[in-house]
Amino acid sequence: MAFSKEHLRDIESTLTIWLAMRRPAEEIRHQLDLGHSINGQDIFLEEIRPVWNNPSESRRYPFAKVKYEKTSDLWKIYWMRGNLKWYAYDPKPVVDKLELALEEIMRDPHHCFFG
């Protein structure tokens, strides 16, 4: 089930603020940028990079997933392993606000998201 219009508006606002604070400098965004996408109850944080053999084309690579669980009103944090499967982020797998999930991803004390 997708987010309600009001909830989606709040999520987009939070993600816009997060991106404004975290995006790389303007002069290198053509080589590396950050973005997000929303699919159902899942929010994907993504790196945007040119394709290595066709630099005129960009590709989005998800590095974190935050899933909203409506029944508990909690946000679950996932990271992608080298096998391209999503795993619960062990240090802090569940938080009660999207902002806290984004903070934990940026702190990344176990280097799951940013190496």
Foldseek 3Di string as FASTA:
>chain_A
DADDPVVVVVVVVLVVVLQVVDFDDPVCVLAWGWDWDDDGQKIFIWIWHADPVGSVHIDTDTAKIWGADVVVQKIAIWGADPVRDTDTDPVDGIDNDPNVNSVCLVVPPVCRRPD
